[in-house]
C-alpha atoms as a PDB file:
ATOM      1  CA  MET A   1      20.084  30.913  38.480  1.00  0.00           C
ATOM      2  CA  LEU A   2      20.584  29.949  34.836  1.00  0.00           C
ATOM      3  CA  ILE A   3      18.697  30.612  31.611  1.00  0.00           C
ATOM      4  CA  ASP A   4      17.156  27.454  30.134  1.00  0.00           C
ATOM      5  CA  GLU A   5      18.457  27.391  26.545  1.00  0.00           C
ATOM      6  CA  ARG A   6      17.669  23.762  25.712  1.00  0.00           C
ATOM      7  CA  ARG A   7      14.827  24.725  23.346  1.00  0.00           C
ATOM      8  CA  GLN A   8      13.007  27.730  21.910  1.00  0.00           C
ATOM      9  CA  TYR A   9      10.058  28.180  24.258  1.00  0.00           C
ATOM     10  CA  GLY A  10       8.826  31.552  23.029  1.00  0.00           C
ATOM     11  CA  GLU A  11       9.705  33.041  26.432  1.00  0.00           C
ATOM     12  CA  THR A  12      12.762  33.193  28.666  1.00  0.00           C
ATOM     13  CA  ARG A  13      12.816  30.296  31.114  1.00  0.00           C
ATOM     14  CA  TYR A  14      15.057  30.178  34.140  1.00  0.00           C
ATOM     15  CA  ILE A  15      16.509  27.304  36.169  1.00  0.00           C
ATOM     16  CA  ALA A  16      17.115  27.723  39.895  1.00  0.00           C
ATOM     17  CA  TYR A  17      18.418  25.207  42.426  1.00  0.00           C
ATOM     18  CA  GLY A  18      17.862  25.150  46.151  1.00  0.00           C
ATOM     19  CA  PRO A  19      17.301  22.819  49.070  1.00  0.00           C
ATOM     20  CA  ILE A  20      13.914  21.779  50.376  1.00  0.00           C
ATOM     21  CA  GLY A  21      14.576  19.936  53.601  1.00  0.00           C
ATOM     22  CA  THR A  22      17.653  17.800  52.993  1.00  0.00           C
ATOM     23  CA  ARG A  23      17.188  17.364  49.205  1.00  0.00           C
ATOM     24  CA  LEU A  24      18.279  19.686  46.409  1.00  0.00           C
ATOM     25  CA  HIS A  25      15.480  20.651  44.018  1.00  0.00           C
ATOM     26  CA  CYS A  26      15.330  22.202  40.556  1.00  0.00           C
ATOM     27  CA  LEU A  27      12.771  24.914  39.730  1.00  0.00           C
ATOM     28  CA  ILE A  28      12.010  25.921  36.134  1.00  0.00           C
ATOM     29  CA  PHE A  29      10.139  29.210  35.912  1.00  0.00           C
ATOM     30  CA  THR A  30       9.381  32.220  33.738  1.00  0.00           C
ATOM     31  CA  ILE A  31       8.454  35.816  34.498  1.00  0.00           C
ATOM     32  CA  ARG A  32       5.303  37.242  32.945  1.00  0.00           C
ATOM     33  CA  GLY A  33       4.808  40.897  33.776  1.00  0.00           C
ATOM     34  CA  ASP A  34       5.016  41.145  37.558  1.00  0.00           C
ATOM     35  CA  THR A  35       4.300  37.441  38.056  1.00  0.00           C
ATOM     36  CA  LEU A  36       6.750  34.575  38.536  1.00  0.00           C
ATOM     37  CA  ARG A  37       5.192  31.483  36.926  1.00  0.00           C
ATOM     38  CA  ALA A  38       6.498  28.090  38.076  1.00  0.00           C
ATOM     39  CA  ILE A  39       6.687  25.578  35.234  1.00  0.00           C
ATOM     40  CA  SER A  40       8.326  22.625  36.978  1.00  0.00           C
ATOM     41  CA  LEU A  41       9.670  21.689  40.411  1.00  0.00           C
ATOM     42  CA  ARG A  42      11.488  18.385  40.859  1.00  0.00           C
ATOM     43  CA  LYS A  43      14.272  16.710  42.802  1.00  0.00           C
ATOM     44  CA  ALA A  44      17.673  17.487  41.307  1.00  0.00           C
ATOM     45  CA  ASN A  45      19.409  14.578  39.604  1.00  0.00           C
ATOM     46  CA  PHE A  46      22.903  13.325  40.484  1.00  0.00           C
ATOM     47  CA  ARG A  47      24.653  15.537  37.905  1.00  0.00           C
ATOM     48  CA  GLU A  48      22.796  18.653  39.066  1.00  0.00           C
ATOM     49  CA  VAL A  49      23.611  17.930  42.718  1.00  0.00           C
ATOM     50  CA  ARG A  50      27.290  17.406  41.864  1.00  0.00           C
ATOM     51  CA  ASP A  51      27.480  20.632  39.837  1.00  0.00           C
ATOM     52  CA  TYR A  52      25.621  22.602  42.517  1.00  0.00           C
ATOM     53  CA  GLU A  53      27.959  21.377  45.254  1.00  0.00           C
ATOM     54  CA  GLN A  54      31.017  22.344  43.187  1.00  0.00           C
ATOM     55  CA  GLU A  55      29.666  25.894  42.774  1.00  0.00           C
ATOM     56  CA  ILE A  56      28.880  26.641  46.428  1.00  0.00           C
END
């Protein structure tokens, strides 16, 4: 899990990667109180897949 520092969002946003079926996906989310709020879920791009595979 990484902190999304690309922009100032007014809240801390996190980036998490994980497989769904056979594809790697990227989840952007924030935590508000006791609630995890999903902002975006998409298929990981080639660079993200490559970096993920090098880390595991």
